[in-house]
C-alpha cells in the first residue's frame, strides 16, 4: 500500500518536473505540433523520466529493481 502511494508521488513529481513530451503520444501530427507551438525538439527522453522517478522512489525509501 505504501509503495503504491510512493509511486503516485513519483509520477506526480515527474509530471511537474518534466514538460509534457508530445513524442510519447505519437501520431503523425508531432512535427507540425512542435512547429506551431514552438516547442523544442530535444525534450527529455523517457529514459530520463524513468530515472528521475527511480531516484524519487529511492529517496522515499522504496526499493527499486534495476530492471524498471
Protein backbone atom coordinates (compact mmCIF):
# COMPACT_ATOMS: atom_id res chain seq x y z
CA UNK A 1 0.00 0.00 0.00
CA UNK A 2 2.76 2.45 0.92
CA UNK A 3 4.60 1.57 -2.29
CA UNK A 4 1.53 2.49 -4.36
CA UNK A 5 1.38 5.88 -2.63
CA UNK A 6 5.08 6.46 -3.22
CA UNK A 7 4.65 5.57 -6.90
CA UNK A 8 1.84 8.12 -7.19
CA UNK A 9 4.12 10.73 -5.61
CA UNK A 10 6.94 9.83 -8.03
CA UNK A 11 4.56 10.03 -11.01
CA UNK A 12 3.30 13.45 -9.88
CA UNK A 13 6.86 14.69 -9.32
CA UNK A 14 7.87 13.55 -12.82
CA UNK A 15 4.84 15.28 -14.36
CA UNK A 16 5.73 18.50 -12.54
CA UNK A 17 9.45 18.31 -13.32
CA UNK A 18 9.32 17.27 -16.96
CA UNK A 19 7.36 19.09 -19.64
CA UNK A 20 4.72 17.09 -21.43
CA UNK A 21 6.51 15.14 -24.13
CA UNK A 22 4.38 15.02 -27.25
CA UNK A 23 6.62 12.29 -28.64
CA UNK A 24 5.16 9.90 -26.05
CA UNK A 25 1.74 10.37 -27.54
CA UNK A 26 2.92 9.64 -31.06
CA UNK A 27 0.82 10.41 -34.07
CA UNK A 28 1.57 11.91 -37.44
CA UNK A 29 0.98 15.44 -36.24
CA UNK A 30 4.00 15.51 -33.92
CA UNK A 31 6.30 17.60 -36.13
CA UNK A 32 3.55 20.00 -37.07
CA UNK A 33 2.57 20.49 -33.44
CA UNK A 34 6.15 21.22 -32.44
CA UNK A 35 6.43 23.78 -35.22
CA UNK A 36 3.13 25.51 -34.45
CA UNK A 37 3.76 25.83 -30.72
CA UNK A 38 7.49 26.45 -31.00
CA UNK A 39 8.33 23.53 -28.71
CA UNK A 40 11.92 22.32 -28.60
CA UNK A 41 12.51 19.02 -30.32
CA UNK A 42 15.07 17.92 -27.74
CA UNK A 43 12.72 17.36 -24.83
CA UNK A 44 13.70 14.95 -22.02
CA UNK A 45 13.58 11.30 -23.00
CA UNK A 46 11.51 8.58 -21.42
CA UNK A 47 14.75 7.19 -20.01
CA UNK A 48 15.39 10.47 -18.18
CA UNK A 49 11.82 10.46 -16.87
CA UNK A 50 12.13 6.85 -15.64
CA UNK A 51 15.49 7.56 -13.99
CA UNK A 52 14.01 10.59 -12.23
CA UNK A 53 11.08 8.52 -10.93
CA UNK A 54 13.51 5.85 -9.67
CA UNK A 55 15.51 8.50 -7.77
CA UNK A 56 12.31 9.86 -6.20
CA UNK A 57 11.21 6.37 -5.15
CA UNK A 58 14.65 5.63 -3.70
CA UNK A 59 14.54 8.93 -1.83
CA UNK A 60 11.23 7.83 -0.33
CA UNK A 61 12.81 4.56 0.78
CA UNK A 62 11.08 2.32 -1.76
CA UNK A 63 13.33 -0.42 -3.12
CA UNK A 64 13.54 -0.13 -6.91
CA UNK A 65 14.61 -3.03 -9.10
CA UNK A 66 17.27 -2.31 -11.69
CA UNK A 67 15.01 -3.69 -14.46
CA UNK A 68 12.47 -0.82 -14.24
